[in-house]
């Protein structure tokens, strides 16, 4: 979880291999 942007700043893809945890924001 890098930041509070889309997919926590981890990936710009619509979906990640595993979901981003809900607390990333």
PDBML (XML) file of the C-alpha atoms, coordinates in Angstrom:
<?xml version="1.0" encoding="UTF-8" ?>
<PDBx:datablock datablockName="MODEL"
   xmlns:PDBx="http://pdbml.pdb.org/schema/pdbx-v50.xsd"
   xmlns:xsi="http://www.w3.org/2001/XMLSchema-instance"
   xsi:schemaLocation="http://pdbml.pdb.org/schema/pdbx-v50.xsd pdbx-v50.xsd">
   <PDBx:atom_siteCategory>
      <PDBx:atom_site id="1">
         <PDBx:B_iso_or_equiv>0.00</PDBx:B_iso_or_equiv>
         <PDBx:Cartn_x>0.000</PDBx:Cartn_x>
         <PDBx:Cartn_y>0.000</PDBx:Cartn_y>
         <PDBx:Cartn_z>0.000</PDBx:Cartn_z>
         <PDBx:auth_asym_id>A</PDBx:auth_asym_id>
         <PDBx:auth_atom_id>CA</PDBx:auth_atom_id>
         <PDBx:auth_comp_id>UNK</PDBx:auth_comp_id>
         <PDBx:auth_seq_id>1</PDBx:auth_seq_id>
         <PDBx:group_PDB>ATOM</PDBx:group_PDB>
         <PDBx:label_alt_id xsi:nil="true" />
         <PDBx:label_asym_id>A</PDBx:label_asym_id>
         <PDBx:label_atom_id>CA</PDBx:label_atom_id>
         <PDBx:label_comp_id>UNK</PDBx:label_comp_id>
         <PDBx:label_entity_id>1</PDBx:label_entity_id>
         <PDBx:label_seq_id>1</PDBx:label_seq_id>
         <PDBx:occupancy>1.00</PDBx:occupancy>
         <PDBx:pdbx_PDB_model_num>1</PDBx:pdbx_PDB_model_num>
         <PDBx:type_symbol>C</PDBx:type_symbol>
      </PDBx:atom_site>
      <PDBx:atom_site id="2">
         <PDBx:B_iso_or_equiv>0.00</PDBx:B_iso_or_equiv>
         <PDBx:Cartn_x>1.994</PDBx:Cartn_x>
         <PDBx:Cartn_y>2.942</PDBx:Cartn_y>
         <PDBx:Cartn_z>-1.361</PDBx:Cartn_z>
         <PDBx:auth_asym_id>A</PDBx:auth_asym_id>
         <PDBx:auth_atom_id>CA</PDBx:auth_atom_id>
         <PDBx:auth_comp_id>UNK</PDBx:auth_comp_id>
         <PDBx:auth_seq_id>2</PDBx:auth_seq_id>
         <PDBx:group_PDB>ATOM</PDBx:group_PDB>
         <PDBx:label_alt_id xsi:nil="true" />
         <PDBx:label_asym_id>A</PDBx:label_asym_id>
         <PDBx:label_atom_id>CA</PDBx:label_atom_id>
         <PDBx:label_comp_id>UNK</PDBx:label_comp_id>
         <PDBx:label_entity_id>1</PDBx:label_entity_id>
         <PDBx:label_seq_id>2</PDBx:label_seq_id>
         <PDBx:occupancy>1.00</PDBx:occupancy>
         <PDBx:pdbx_PDB_model_num>1</PDBx:pdbx_PDB_model_num>
         <PDBx:type_symbol>C</PDBx:type_symbol>
      </PDBx:atom_site>
      <PDBx:atom_site id="3">
         <PDBx:B_iso_or_equiv>0.00</PDBx:B_iso_or_equiv>
         <PDBx:Cartn_x>-0.639</PDBx:Cartn_x>
         <PDBx:Cartn_y>5.689</PDBx:Cartn_y>
         <PDBx:Cartn_z>-1.289</PDBx:Cartn_z>
         <PDBx:auth_asym_id>A</PDBx:auth_asym_id>
         <PDBx:auth_atom_id>CA</PDBx:auth_atom_id>
         <PDBx:auth_comp_id>UNK</PDBx:auth_comp_id>
         <PDBx:auth_seq_id>3</PDBx:auth_seq_id>
         <PDBx:group_PDB>ATOM</PDBx:group_PDB>
         <PDBx:label_alt_id xsi:nil="true" />
         <PDBx:label_asym_id>A</PDBx:label_asym_id>
         <PDBx:label_atom_id>CA</PDBx:label_atom_id>
         <PDBx:label_comp_id>UNK</PDBx:label_comp_id>
         <PDBx:label_entity_id>1</PDBx:label_entity_id>
         <PDBx:label_seq_id>3</PDBx:label_seq_id>
         <PDBx:occupancy>1.00</PDBx:occupancy>
         <PDBx:pdbx_PDB_model_num>1</PDBx:pdbx_PDB_model_num>
         <PDBx:type_symbol>C</PDBx:type_symbol>
      </PDBx:atom_site>
      <PDBx:atom_site id="4">
         <PDBx:B_iso_or_equiv>0.00</PDBx:B_iso_or_equiv>
         <PDBx:Cartn_x>-4.410</PDBx:Cartn_x>
         <PDBx:Cartn_y>6.317</PDBx:Cartn_y>
         <PDBx:Cartn_z>-1.310</PDBx:Cartn_z>
         <PDBx:auth_asym_id>A</PDBx:auth_asym_id>
         <PDBx:auth_atom_id>CA</PDBx:auth_atom_id>
         <PDBx:auth_comp_id>UNK</PDBx:auth_comp_id>
         <PDBx:auth_seq_id>4</PDBx:auth_seq_id>
         <PDBx:group_PDB>ATOM</PDBx:group_PDB>
         <PDBx:label_alt_id xsi:nil="true" />
         <PDBx:label_asym_id>A</PDBx:label_asym_id>
         <PDBx:label_atom_id>CA</PDBx:label_atom_id>
         <PDBx:label_comp_id>UNK</PDBx:label_comp_id>
         <PDBx:label_entity_id>1</PDBx:label_entity_id>
         <PDBx:label_seq_id>4</PDBx:label_seq_id>
         <PDBx:occupancy>1.00</PDBx:occupancy>
         <PDBx:pdbx_PDB_model_num>1</PDBx:pdbx_PDB_model_num>
         <PDBx:type_symbol>C</PDBx:type_symbol>
      </PDBx:atom_site>
      <PDBx:atom_site id="5">
         <PDBx:B_iso_or_equiv>0.00</PDBx:B_iso_or_equiv>
         <PDBx:Cartn_x>-4.756</PDBx:Cartn_x>
         <PDBx:Cartn_y>6.393</PDBx:Cartn_y>
         <PDBx:Cartn_z>-5.099</PDBx:Cartn_z>
         <PDBx:auth_asym_id>A</PDBx:auth_asym_id>
         <PDBx:auth_atom_id>CA</PDBx:auth_atom_id>
         <PDBx:auth_comp_id>UNK</PDBx:auth_comp_id>
         <PDBx:auth_seq_id>5</PDBx:auth_seq_id>
         <PDBx:group_PDB>ATOM</PDBx:group_PDB>
         <PDBx:label_alt_id xsi:nil="true" />
         <PDBx:label_asym_id>A</PDBx:label_asym_id>
         <PDBx:label_atom_id>CA</PDBx:label_atom_id>
         <PDBx:label_comp_id>UNK</PDBx:label_comp_id>
         <PDBx:label_entity_id>1</PDBx:label_entity_id>
         <PDBx:label_seq_id>5</PDBx:label_seq_id>
         <PDBx:occupancy>1.00</PDBx:occupancy>
         <PDBx:pdbx_PDB_model_num>1</PDBx:pdbx_PDB_model_num>
         <PDBx:type_symbol>C</PDBx:type_symbol>
      </PDBx:atom_site>
      <PDBx:atom_site id="6">
         <PDBx:B_iso_or_equiv>0.00</PDBx:B_iso_or_equiv>
         <PDBx:Cartn_x>-6.261</PDBx:Cartn_x>
         <PDBx:Cartn_y>3.689</PDBx:Cartn_y>
         <PDBx:Cartn_z>-7.310</PDBx:Cartn_z>
         <PDBx:auth_asym_id>A</PDBx:auth_asym_id>
         <PDBx:auth_atom_id>CA</PDBx:auth_atom_id>
         <PDBx:auth_comp_id>UNK</PDBx:auth_comp_id>
         <PDBx:auth_seq_id>6</PDBx:auth_seq_id>
         <PDBx:group_PDB>ATOM</PDBx:group_PDB>
         <PDBx:label_alt_id xsi:nil="true" />
         <PDBx:label_asym_id>A</PDBx:label_asym_id>
         <PDBx:label_atom_id>CA</PDBx:label_atom_id>
         <PDBx:label_comp_id>UNK</PDBx:label_comp_id>
         <PDBx:label_entity_id>1</PDBx:label_entity_id>
         <PDBx:label_seq_id>6</PDBx:label_seq_id>
         <PDBx:occupancy>1.00</PDBx:occupancy>
         <PDBx:pdbx_PDB_model_num>1</PDBx:pdbx_PDB_model_num>
         <PDBx:type_symbol>C</PDBx:type_symbol>
      </PDBx:atom_site>
      <PDBx:atom_site id="7">
         <PDBx:B_iso_or_equiv>0.00</PDBx:B_iso_or_equiv>
         <PDBx:Cartn_x>-5.088</PDBx:Cartn_x>
         <PDBx:Cartn_y>0.205</PDBx:Cartn_y>
         <PDBx:Cartn_z>-6.238</PDBx:Cartn_z>
         <PDBx:auth_asym_id>A</PDBx:auth_asym_id>
         <PDBx:auth_atom_id>CA</PDBx:auth_atom_id>
         <PDBx:auth_comp_id>UNK</PDBx:auth_comp_id>
         <PDBx:auth_seq_id>7</PDBx:auth_seq_id>
         <PDBx:group_PDB>ATOM</PDBx:group_PDB>
         <PDBx:label_alt_id xsi:nil="true" />
         <PDBx:label_asym_id>A</PDBx:label_asym_id>
         <PDBx:label_atom_id>CA</PDBx:label_atom_id>
         <PDBx:label_comp_id>UNK</PDBx:label_comp_id>
         <PDBx:label_entity_id>1</PDBx:label_entity_id>
         <PDBx:label_seq_id>7</PDBx:label_seq_id>
         <PDBx:occupancy>1.00</PDBx:occupancy>
         <PDBx:pdbx_PDB_model_num>1</PDBx:pdbx_PDB_model_num>
         <PDBx:type_symbol>C</PDBx:type_symbol>
      </PDBx:atom_site>
      <PDBx:atom_site id="8">
         <PDBx:B_iso_or_equiv>0.00</PDBx:B_iso_or_equiv>
         <PDBx:Cartn_x>-3.024</PDBx:Cartn_x>
         <PDBx:Cartn_y>1.839</PDBx:Cartn_y>
         <PDBx:Cartn_z>-3.482</PDBx:Cartn_z>
         <PDBx:auth_asym_id>A</PDBx:auth_asym_id>
         <PDBx:auth_atom_id>CA</PDBx:auth_atom_id>
         <PDBx:auth_comp_id>UNK</PDBx:auth_comp_id>
         <PDBx:auth_seq_id>8</PDBx:auth_seq_id>
         <PDBx:group_PDB>ATOM</PDBx:group_PDB>
         <PDBx:label_alt_id xsi:nil="true" />
         <PDBx:label_asym_id>A</PDBx:label_asym_id>
         <PDBx:label_atom_id>CA</PDBx:label_atom_id>
         <PDBx:label_comp_id>UNK</PDBx:label_comp_id>
         <PDBx:label_entity_id>1</PDBx:label_entity_id>
         <PDBx:label_seq_id>8</PDBx:label_seq_id>
         <PDBx:occupancy>1.00</PDBx:occupancy>
         <PDBx:pdbx_PDB_model_num>1</PDBx:pdbx_PDB_model_num>
         <PDBx:type_symbol>C</PDBx:type_symbol>
      </PDBx:atom_site>
      <PDBx:atom_site id="9">
         <PDBx:B_iso_or_equiv>0.00</PDBx:B_iso_or_equiv>
         <PDBx:Cartn_x>-0.516</PDBx:Cartn_x>
         <PDBx:Cartn_y>3.003</PDBx:Cartn_y>
         <PDBx:Cartn_z>-6.102</PDBx:Cartn_z>
         <PDBx:auth_asym_id>A</PDBx:auth_asym_id>
         <PDBx:auth_atom_id>CA</PDBx:auth_atom_id>
         <PDBx:auth_comp_id>UNK</PDBx:auth_comp_id>
         <PDBx:auth_seq_id>9</PDBx:auth_seq_id>
         <PDBx:group_PDB>ATOM</PDBx:group_PDB>
         <PDBx:label_alt_id xsi:nil="true" />
         <PDBx:label_asym_id>A</PDBx:label_asym_id>
         <PDBx:label_atom_id>CA</PDBx:label_atom_id>
         <PDBx:label_comp_id>UNK</PDBx:label_comp_id>
         <PDBx:label_entity_id>1</PDBx:label_entity_id>
         <PDBx:label_seq_id>9</PDBx:label_seq_id>
         <PDBx:occupancy>1.00</PDBx:occupancy>
         <PDBx:pdbx_PDB_model_num>1</PDBx:pdbx_PDB_model_num>
         <PDBx:type_symbol>C</PDBx:type_symbol>
      </PDBx:atom_site>
      <PDBx:atom_site id="10">
         <PDBx:B_iso_or_equiv>0.00</PDBx:B_iso_or_equiv>
         <PDBx:Cartn_x>0.580</PDBx:Cartn_x>
         <PDBx:Cartn_y>-0.596</PDBx:Cartn_y>
         <PDBx:Cartn_z>-6.609</PDBx:Cartn_z>
         <PDBx:auth_asym_id>A</PDBx:auth_asym_id>
         <PDBx:auth_atom_id>CA</PDBx:auth_atom_id>
         <PDBx:auth_comp_id>UNK</PDBx:auth_comp_id>
         <PDBx:auth_seq_id>10</PDBx:auth_seq_id>
         <PDBx:group_PDB>ATOM</PDBx:group_PDB>
         <PDBx:label_alt_id xsi:nil="true" />
         <PDBx:label_asym_id>A</PDBx:label_asym_id>
         <PDBx:label_atom_id>CA</PDBx:label_atom_id>
         <PDBx:label_comp_id>UNK</PDBx:label_comp_id>
         <PDBx:label_entity_id>1</PDBx:label_entity_id>
         <PDBx:label_seq_id>10</PDBx:label_seq_id>
         <PDBx:occupancy>1.00</PDBx:occupancy>
         <PDBx:pdbx_PDB_model_num>1</PDBx:pdbx_PDB_model_num>
         <PDBx:type_symbol>C</PDBx:type_symbol>
      </PDBx:atom_site>
      <PDBx:atom_site id="11">
         <PDBx:B_iso_or_equiv>0.00</PDBx:B_iso_or_equiv>
         <PDBx:Cartn_x>-0.727</PDBx:Cartn_x>
         <PDBx:Cartn_y>-1.089</PDBx:Cartn_y>
         <PDBx:Cartn_z>-10.137</PDBx:Cartn_z>
         <PDBx:auth_asym_id>A</PDBx:auth_asym_id>
         <PDBx:auth_atom_id>CA</PDBx:auth_atom_id>
         <PDBx:auth_comp_id>UNK</PDBx:auth_comp_id>
         <PDBx:auth_seq_id>11</PDBx:auth_seq_id>
         <PDBx:group_PDB>ATOM</PDBx:group_PDB>
         <PDBx:label_alt_id xsi:nil="true" />
         <PDBx:label_asym_id>A</PDBx:label_asym_id>
         <PDBx:label_atom_id>CA</PDBx:label_atom_id>
         <PDBx:label_comp_id>UNK</PDBx:label_comp_id>
         <PDBx:label_entity_id>1</PDBx:label_entity_id>
         <PDBx:label_seq_id>11</PDBx:label_seq_id>
         <PDBx:occupancy>1.00</PDBx:occupancy>
         <PDBx:pdbx_PDB_model_num>1</PDBx:pdbx_PDB_model_num>
         <PDBx:type_symbol>C</PDBx:type_symbol>
      </PDBx:atom_site>
      <PDBx:atom_site id="12">
         <PDBx:B_iso_or_equiv>0.00</PDBx:B_iso_or_equiv>
         <PDBx:Cartn_x>-2.591</PDBx:Cartn_x>
         <PDBx:Cartn_y>0.831</PDBx:Cartn_y>
         <PDBx:Cartn_z>-12.832</PDBx:Cartn_z>
         <PDBx:auth_asym_id>A</PDBx:auth_asym_id>
         <PDBx:auth_atom_id>CA</PDBx:auth_atom_id>
         <PDBx:auth_comp_id>UNK</PDBx:auth_comp_id>
         <PDBx:auth_seq_id>12</PDBx:auth_seq_id>
         <PDBx:group_PDB>ATOM</PDBx:group_PDB>
         <PDBx:label_alt_id xsi:nil="true" />
         <PDBx:label_asym_id>A</PDBx:label_asym_id>
         <PDBx:label_atom_id>CA</PDBx:label_atom_id>
         <PDBx:label_comp_id>UNK</PDBx:label_comp_id>
         <PDBx:label_entity_id>1</PDBx:label_entity_id>
         <PDBx:label_seq_id>12</PDBx:label_seq_id>
         <PDBx:occupancy>1.00</PDBx:occupancy>
         <PDBx:pdbx_PDB_model_num>1</PDBx:pdbx_PDB_model_num>
         <PDBx:type_symbol>C</PDBx:type_symbol>
      </PDBx:atom_site>
      <PDBx:atom_site id="13">
         <PDBx:B_iso_or_equiv>0.00</PDBx:B_iso_or_equiv>
         <PDBx:Cartn_x>-4.310</PDBx:Cartn_x>
         <PDBx:Cartn_y>-2.349</PDBx:Cartn_y>
         <PDBx:Cartn_z>-14.040</PDBx:Cartn_z>
         <PDBx:auth_asym_id>A</PDBx:auth_asym_id>
         <PDBx:auth_atom_id>CA</PDBx:auth_atom_id>
         <PDBx:auth_comp_id>UNK</PDBx:auth_comp_id>
         <PDBx:auth_seq_id>13</PDBx:auth_seq_id>
         <PDBx:group_PDB>ATOM</PDBx:group_PDB>
         <PDBx:label_alt_id xsi:nil="true" />
         <PDBx:label_asym_id>A</PDBx:label_asym_id>
         <PDBx:label_atom_id>CA</PDBx:label_atom_id>
         <PDBx:label_comp_id>UNK</PDBx:label_comp_id>
         <PDBx:label_entity_id>1</PDBx:label_entity_id>
         <PDBx:label_seq_id>13</PDBx:label_seq_id>
         <PDBx:occupancy>1.00</PDBx:occupancy>
         <PDBx:pdbx_PDB_model_num>1</PDBx:pdbx_PDB_model_num>
         <PDBx:type_symbol>C</PDBx:type_symbol>
      </PDBx:atom_site>
      <PDBx:atom_site id="14">
         <PDBx:B_iso_or_equiv>0.00</PDBx:B_iso_or_equiv>
         <PDBx:Cartn_x>-8.071</PDBx:Cartn_x>
         <PDBx:Cartn_y>-2.615</PDBx:Cartn_y>
         <PDBx:Cartn_z>-13.400</PDBx:Cartn_z>
         <PDBx:auth_asym_id>A</PDBx:auth_asym_id>
         <PDBx:auth_atom_id>CA</PDBx:auth_atom_id>
         <PDBx:auth_comp_id>UNK</PDBx:auth_comp_id>
         <PDBx:auth_seq_id>14</PDBx:auth_seq_id>
         <PDBx:group_PDB>ATOM</PDBx:group_PDB>
         <PDBx:label_alt_id xsi:nil="true" />
         <PDBx:label_asym_id>A</PDBx:label_asym_id>
         <PDBx:label_atom_id>CA</PDBx:label_atom_id>
         <PDBx:label_comp_id>UNK</PDBx:label_comp_id>
         <PDBx:label_entity_id>1</PDBx:label_entity_id>
         <PDBx:label_seq_id>14</PDBx:label_seq_id>
         <PDBx:occupancy>1.00</PDBx:occupancy>
         <PDBx:pdbx_PDB_model_num>1</PDBx:pdbx_PDB_model_num>
         <PDBx:type_symbol>C</PDBx:type_symbol>
      </PDBx:atom_site>
      <PDBx:atom_site id="15">
         <PDBx:B_iso_or_equiv>0.00</PDBx:B_iso_or_equiv>
         <PDBx:Cartn_x>-7.483</PDBx:Cartn_x>
         <PDBx:Cartn_y>-5.671</PDBx:Cartn_y>
         <PDBx:Cartn_z>-11.214</PDBx:Cartn_z>
         <PDBx:auth_asym_id>A</PDBx:auth_asym_id>
         <PDBx:auth_atom_id>CA</PDBx:auth_atom_id>
         <PDBx:auth_comp_id>UNK</PDBx:auth_comp_id>
         <PDBx:auth_seq_id>15</PDBx:auth_seq_id>
         <PDBx:group_PDB>ATOM</PDBx:group_PDB>
         <PDBx:label_alt_id xsi:nil="true" />
         <PDBx:label_asym_id>A</PDBx:label_asym_id>
         <PDBx:label_atom_id>CA</PDBx:label_atom_id>
         <PDBx:label_comp_id>UNK</PDBx:label_comp_id>
         <PDBx:label_entity_id>1</PDBx:label_entity_id>
         <PDBx:label_seq_id>15</PDBx:label_seq_id>
         <PDBx:occupancy>1.00</PDBx:occupancy>
         <PDBx:pdbx_PDB_model_num>1</PDBx:pdbx_PDB_model_num>
         <PDBx:type_symbol>C</PDBx:type_symbol>
      </PDBx:atom_site>
      <PDBx:atom_site id="16">
         <PDBx:B_iso_or_equiv>0.00</PDBx:B_iso_or_equiv>
         <PDBx:Cartn_x>-4.467</PDBx:Cartn_x>
         <PDBx:Cartn_y>-6.897</PDBx:Cartn_y>
         <PDBx:Cartn_z>-9.285</PDBx:Cartn_z>
         <PDBx:auth_asym_id>A</PDBx:auth_asym_id>
         <PDBx:auth_atom_id>CA</PDBx:auth_atom_id>
         <PDBx:auth_comp_id>UNK</PDBx:auth_comp_id>
         <PDBx:auth_seq_id>16</PDBx:auth_seq_id>
         <PDBx:group_PDB>ATOM</PDBx:group_PDB>
         <PDBx:label_alt_id xsi:nil="true" />
         <PDBx:label_asym_id>A</PDBx:label_asym_id>
         <PDBx:label_atom_id>CA</PDBx:label_atom_id>
         <PDBx:label_comp_id>UNK</PDBx:label_comp_id>
         <PDBx:label_entity_id>1</PDBx:label_entity_id>
         <PDBx:label_seq_id>16</PDBx:label_seq_id>
         <PDBx:occupancy>1.00</PDBx:occupancy>
         <PDBx:pdbx_PDB_model_num>1</PDBx:pdbx_PDB_model_num>
         <PDBx:type_symbol>C</PDBx:type_symbol>
      </PDBx:atom_site>
      <PDBx:atom_site id="17">
         <PDBx:B_iso_or_equiv>0.00</PDBx:B_iso_or_equiv>
         <PDBx:Cartn_x>-3.504</PDBx:Cartn_x>
         <PDBx:Cartn_y>-10.558</PDBx:Cartn_y>
         <PDBx:Cartn_z>-8.886</PDBx:Cartn_z>
         <PDBx:auth_asym_id>A</PDBx:auth_asym_id>
         <PDBx:auth_atom_id>CA</PDBx:auth_atom_id>
         <PDBx:auth_comp_id>UNK</PDBx:auth_comp_id>
         <PDBx:auth_seq_id>17</PDBx:auth_seq_id>
         <PDBx:group_PDB>ATOM</PDBx:group_PDB>
         <PDBx:label_alt_id xsi:nil="true" />
         <PDBx:label_asym_id>A</PDBx:label_asym_id>
         <PDBx:label_atom_id>CA</PDBx:label_atom_id>
         <PDBx:label_comp_id>UNK</PDBx:label_comp_id>
         <PDBx:label_entity_id>1</PDBx:label_entity_id>
         <PDBx:label_seq_id>17</PDBx:label_seq_id>
         <PDBx:occupancy>1.00</PDBx:occupancy>
         <PDBx:pdbx_PDB_model_num>1</PDBx:pdbx_PDB_model_num>
         <PDBx:type_symbol>C</PDBx:type_symbol>
      </PDBx:atom_site>
      <PDBx:atom_site id="18">
         <PDBx:B_iso_or_equiv>0.00</PDBx:B_iso_or_equiv>
         <PDBx:Cartn_x>-4.842</PDBx:Cartn_x>
         <PDBx:Cartn_y>-10.424</PDBx:Cartn_y>
         <PDBx:Cartn_z>-5.335</PDBx:Cartn_z>
         <PDBx:auth_asym_id>A</PDBx:auth_asym_id>
         <PDBx:auth_atom_id>CA</PDBx:auth_atom_id>
         <PDBx:auth_comp_id>UNK</PDBx:auth_comp_id>
         <PDBx:auth_seq_id>18</PDBx:auth_seq_id>
         <PDBx:group_PDB>ATOM</PDBx:group_PDB>
         <PDBx:label_alt_id xsi:nil="true" />
         <PDBx:label_asym_id>A</PDBx:label_asym_id>
         <PDBx:label_atom_id>CA</PDBx:label_atom_id>
         <PDBx:label_comp_id>UNK</PDBx:label_comp_id>
         <PDBx:label_entity_id>1</PDBx:label_entity_id>
         <PDBx:label_seq_id>18</PDBx:label_seq_id>
         <PDBx:occupancy>1.00</PDBx:occupancy>
         <PDBx:pdbx_PDB_model_num>1</PDBx:pdbx_PDB_model_num>
         <PDBx:type_symbol>C</PDBx:type_symbol>
      </PDBx:atom_site>
      <PDBx:atom_site id="19">
         <PDBx:B_iso_or_equiv>0.00</PDBx:B_iso_or_equiv>
         <PDBx:Cartn_x>-7.160</PDBx:Cartn_x>
         <PDBx:Cartn_y>-7.612</PDBx:Cartn_y>
         <PDBx:Cartn_z>-4.167</PDBx:Cartn_z>
         <PDBx:auth_asym_id>A</PDBx:auth_asym_id>
         <PDBx:auth_atom_id>CA</PDBx:auth_atom_id>
         <PDBx:auth_comp_id>UNK</PDBx:auth_comp_id>
         <PDBx:auth_seq_id>19</PDBx:auth_seq_id>
         <PDBx:group_PDB>ATOM</PDBx:group_PDB>
         <PDBx:label_alt_id xsi:nil="true" />
         <PDBx:label_asym_id>A</PDBx:label_asym_id>
         <PDBx:label_atom_id>CA</PDBx:label_atom_id>
         <PDBx:label_comp_id>UNK</PDBx:label_comp_id>
         <PDBx:label_entity_id>1</PDBx:label_entity_id>
         <PDBx:label_seq_id>19</PDBx:label_seq_id>
         <PDBx:occupancy>1.00</PDBx:occupancy>
         <PDBx:pdbx_PDB_model_num>1</PDBx:pdbx_PDB_model_num>
         <PDBx:type_symbol>C</PDBx:type_symbol>
      </PDBx:atom_site>
      <PDBx:atom_site id="20">
         <PDBx:B_iso_or_equiv>0.00</PDBx:B_iso_or_equiv>
         <PDBx:Cartn_x>-5.873</PDBx:Cartn_x>
         <PDBx:Cartn_y>-4.498</PDBx:Cartn_y>
         <PDBx:Cartn_z>-2.420</PDBx:Cartn_z>
         <PDBx:auth_asym_id>A</PDBx:auth_asym_id>
         <PDBx:auth_atom_id>CA</PDBx:auth_atom_id>
         <PDBx:auth_comp_id>UNK</PDBx:auth_comp_id>
         <PDBx:auth_seq_id>20</PDBx:auth_seq_id>
         <PDBx:group_PDB>ATOM</PDBx:group_PDB>
         <PDBx:label_alt_id xsi:nil="true" />
         <PDBx:label_asym_id>A</PDBx:label_asym_id>
         <PDBx:label_atom_id>CA</PDBx:label_atom_id>
         <PDBx:label_comp_id>UNK</PDBx:label_comp_id>
         <PDBx:label_entity_id>1</PDBx:label_entity_id>
         <PDBx:label_seq_id>20</PDBx:label_seq_id>
         <PDBx:occupancy>1.00</PDBx:occupancy>
         <PDBx:pdbx_PDB_model_num>1</PDBx:pdbx_PDB_model_num>
         <PDBx:type_symbol>C</PDBx:type_symbol>
      </PDBx:atom_site>
      <PDBx:atom_site id="21">
         <PDBx:B_iso_or_equiv>0.00</PDBx:B_iso_or_equiv>
         <PDBx:Cartn_x>-6.684</PDBx:Cartn_x>
         <PDBx:Cartn_y>-4.513</PDBx:Cartn_y>
         <PDBx:Cartn_z>1.297</PDBx:Cartn_z>
         <PDBx:auth_asym_id>A</PDBx:auth_asym_id>
         <PDBx:auth_atom_id>CA</PDBx:auth_atom_id>
         <PDBx:auth_comp_id>UNK</PDBx:auth_comp_id>
         <PDBx:auth_seq_id>21</PDBx:auth_seq_id>
         <PDBx:group_PDB>ATOM</PDBx:group_PDB>
         <PDBx:label_alt_id xsi:nil="true" />
         <PDBx:label_asym_id>A</PDBx:label_asym_id>
         <PDBx:label_atom_id>CA</PDBx:label_atom_id>
         <PDBx:label_comp_id>UNK</PDBx:label_comp_id>
         <PDBx:label_entity_id>1</PDBx:label_entity_id>
         <PDBx:label_seq_id>21</PDBx:label_seq_id>
         <PDBx:occupancy>1.00</PDBx:occupancy>
         <PDBx:pdbx_PDB_model_num>1</PDBx:pdbx_PDB_model_num>
         <PDBx:type_symbol>C</PDBx:type_symbol>
      </PDBx:atom_site>
      <PDBx:atom_site id="22">
         <PDBx:B_iso_or_equiv>0.00</PDBx:B_iso_or_equiv>
         <PDBx:Cartn_x>-9.556</PDBx:Cartn_x>
         <PDBx:Cartn_y>-2.224</PDBx:Cartn_y>
         <PDBx:Cartn_z>2.245</PDBx:Cartn_z>
         <PDBx:auth_asym_id>A</PDBx:auth_asym_id>
         <PDBx:auth_atom_id>CA</PDBx:auth_atom_id>
         <PDBx:auth_comp_id>UNK</PDBx:auth_comp_id>
         <PDBx:auth_seq_id>22</PDBx:auth_seq_id>
         <PDBx:group_PDB>ATOM</PDBx:group_PDB>
         <PDBx:label_alt_id xsi:nil="true" />
         <PDBx:label_asym_id>A</PDBx:label_asym_id>
         <PDBx:label_atom_id>CA</PDBx:label_atom_id>
         <PDBx:label_comp_id>UNK</PDBx:label_comp_id>
         <PDBx:label_entity_id>1</PDBx:label_entity_id>
         <PDBx:label_seq_id>22</PDBx:label_seq_id>
         <PDBx:occupancy>1.00</PDBx:occupancy>
         <PDBx:pdbx_PDB_model_num>1</PDBx:pdbx_PDB_model_num>
         <PDBx:type_symbol>C</PDBx:type_symbol>
      </PDBx:atom_site>
      <PDBx:atom_site id="23">
         <PDBx:B_iso_or_equiv>0.00</PDBx:B_iso_or_equiv>
         <PDBx:Cartn_x>-7.502</PDBx:Cartn_x>
         <PDBx:Cartn_y>-0.159</PDBx:Cartn_y>
         <PDBx:Cartn_z>4.712</PDBx:Cartn_z>
         <PDBx:auth_asym_id>A</PDBx:auth_asym_id>
         <PDBx:auth_atom_id>CA</PDBx:auth_atom_id>
         <PDBx:auth_comp_id>UNK</PDBx:auth_comp_id>
         <PDBx:auth_seq_id>23</PDBx:auth_seq_id>
         <PDBx:group_PDB>ATOM</PDBx:group_PDB>
         <PDBx:label_alt_id xsi:nil="true" />
         <PDBx:label_asym_id>A</PDBx:label_asym_id>
         <PDBx:label_atom_id>CA</PDBx:label_atom_id>
         <PDBx:label_comp_id>UNK</PDBx:label_comp_id>
         <PDBx:label_entity_id>1</PDBx:label_entity_id>
         <PDBx:label_seq_id>23</PDBx:label_seq_id>
         <PDBx:occupancy>1.00</PDBx:occupancy>
         <PDBx:pdbx_PDB_model_num>1</PDBx:pdbx_PDB_model_num>
         <PDBx:type_symbol>C</PDBx:type_symbol>
      </PDBx:atom_site>
      <PDBx:atom_site id="24">
         <PDBx:B_iso_or_equiv>0.00</PDBx:B_iso_or_equiv>
         <PDBx:Cartn_x>-5.157</PDBx:Cartn_x>
         <PDBx:Cartn_y>1.211</PDBx:Cartn_y>
         <PDBx:Cartn_z>2.008</PDBx:Cartn_z>
         <PDBx:auth_asym_id>A</PDBx:auth_asym_id>
         <PDBx:auth_atom_id>CA</PDBx:auth_atom_id>
         <PDBx:auth_comp_id>UNK</PDBx:auth_comp_id>
         <PDBx:auth_seq_id>24</PDBx:auth_seq_id>
         <PDBx:group_PDB>ATOM</PDBx:group_PDB>
         <PDBx:label_alt_id xsi:nil="true" />
         <PDBx:label_asym_id>A</PDBx:label_asym_id>
         <PDBx:label_atom_id>CA</PDBx:label_atom_id>
         <PDBx:label_comp_id>UNK</PDBx:label_comp_id>
         <PDBx:label_entity_id>1</PDBx:label_entity_id>
         <PDBx:label_seq_id>24</PDBx:label_seq_id>
         <PDBx:occupancy>1.00</PDBx:occupancy>
         <PDBx:pdbx_PDB_model_num>1</PDBx:pdbx_PDB_model_num>
         <PDBx:type_symbol>C</PDBx:type_symbol>
      </PDBx:atom_site>
      <PDBx:atom_site id="25">
         <PDBx:B_iso_or_equiv>0.00</PDBx:B_iso_or_equiv>
         <PDBx:Cartn_x>-6.804</PDBx:Cartn_x>
         <PDBx:Cartn_y>4.661</PDBx:Cartn_y>
         <PDBx:Cartn_z>1.971</PDBx:Cartn_z>
         <PDBx:auth_asym_id>A</PDBx:auth_asym_id>
         <PDBx:auth_atom_id>CA</PDBx:auth_atom_id>
         <PDBx:auth_comp_id>UNK</PDBx:auth_comp_id>
         <PDBx:auth_seq_id>25</PDBx:auth_seq_id>
         <PDBx:group_PDB>ATOM</PDBx:group_PDB>
         <PDBx:label_alt_id xsi:nil="true" />
         <PDBx:label_asym_id>A</PDBx:label_asym_id>
         <PDBx:label_atom_id>CA</PDBx:label_atom_id>
         <PDBx:label_comp_id>UNK</PDBx:label_comp_id>
         <PDBx:label_entity_id>1</PDBx:label_entity_id>
         <PDBx:label_seq_id>25</PDBx:label_seq_id>
         <PDBx:occupancy>1.00</PDBx:occupancy>
         <PDBx:pdbx_PDB_model_num>1</PDBx:pdbx_PDB_model_num>
         <PDBx:type_symbol>C</PDBx:type_symbol>
      </PDBx:atom_site>
   </PDBx:atom_siteCategory>
</PDBx:datablock>
